[in-house]
Amino acid sequence: MKVIQRGIPKNTTHQTQCRHCNSVLEFQESEAKTINDRNELCMVVNCPICKNDIYIAKK
């Protein structure tokens, strides 16, 4: 493989709401864990308030 032009990885910021404690969270994609859930890529973050796992579908 040959690199023609080096790119810069994009670290996208996302917002979500915890359904357990209603906290609104903002996180960067690098802070989330990416998993494969039933053949769909999801990001998982842990709410710092109630410690609930939040699953966000990756587009």
Protein backbone atom coordinates (compact mmCIF):
# COMPACT_ATOMS: atom_id res chain seq x y z
CA MET A 1 0.00 0.00 0.00
CA LYS A 2 1.22 3.47 -0.84
CA VAL A 3 0.11 6.70 0.87
CA ILE A 4 -0.49 9.37 -1.77
CA GLN A 5 -1.57 12.17 0.58
CA ARG A 6 -1.63 12.04 4.35
CA GLY A 7 -4.97 12.95 5.93
CA ILE A 8 -5.84 14.23 9.38
CA PRO A 9 -8.26 12.07 11.39
CA LYS A 10 -11.44 13.90 12.29
CA ASN A 11 -12.47 13.75 15.95
CA THR A 12 -16.19 14.49 15.80
CA THR A 13 -18.10 15.83 18.80
CA HIS A 14 -21.48 14.25 19.63
CA GLN A 15 -24.28 15.12 22.04
CA THR A 16 -26.69 12.70 23.65
CA GLN A 17 -29.05 12.52 26.58
CA CYS A 18 -28.98 9.84 29.24
CA ARG A 19 -32.38 8.18 29.38
CA HIS A 20 -31.84 7.15 32.99
CA CYS A 21 -30.98 10.49 34.67
CA ASN A 22 -31.76 12.96 31.81
CA SER A 23 -28.24 14.44 31.83
CA VAL A 24 -27.16 15.96 28.51
CA LEU A 25 -23.67 14.79 27.58
CA GLU A 26 -21.18 15.96 24.99
CA PHE A 27 -18.34 13.64 24.03
CA GLN A 28 -15.76 13.18 21.33
CA GLU A 29 -15.81 10.06 19.22
CA SER A 30 -12.40 9.06 20.56
CA GLU A 31 -13.88 8.91 24.10
CA ALA A 32 -16.51 6.34 23.10
CA LYS A 33 -16.04 2.63 22.60
CA THR A 34 -17.16 1.37 19.17
CA ILE A 35 -18.91 -2.01 19.17
CA ASN A 36 -20.81 -4.15 16.69
CA ASP A 37 -24.35 -4.64 18.01
CA ARG A 38 -26.49 -6.94 15.83
CA ASN A 39 -24.56 -5.97 12.65
CA GLU A 40 -24.81 -2.24 13.40
CA LEU A 41 -21.89 -0.11 14.57
CA CYS A 42 -22.63 1.66 17.85
CA MET A 43 -20.73 4.00 20.12
CA VAL A 44 -20.98 3.33 23.85
CA VAL A 45 -20.34 5.97 26.50
CA ASN A 46 -20.78 5.72 30.23
CA CYS A 47 -22.82 8.46 31.93
CA PRO A 48 -20.60 10.07 34.59
CA ILE A 49 -23.66 10.88 36.75
CA CYS A 50 -25.56 7.57 37.00
CA LYS A 51 -22.96 5.20 35.44
CA ASN A 52 -25.52 3.97 32.87
CA ASP A 53 -24.20 2.78 29.47
CA ILE A 54 -25.54 4.85 26.57
CA TYR A 55 -25.62 3.31 23.09
CA ILE A 56 -25.56 5.64 20.07
CA ALA A 57 -25.90 4.31 16.52
CA LYS A 58 -22.92 5.28 14.39
CA LYS A 59 -23.89 6.80 11.05
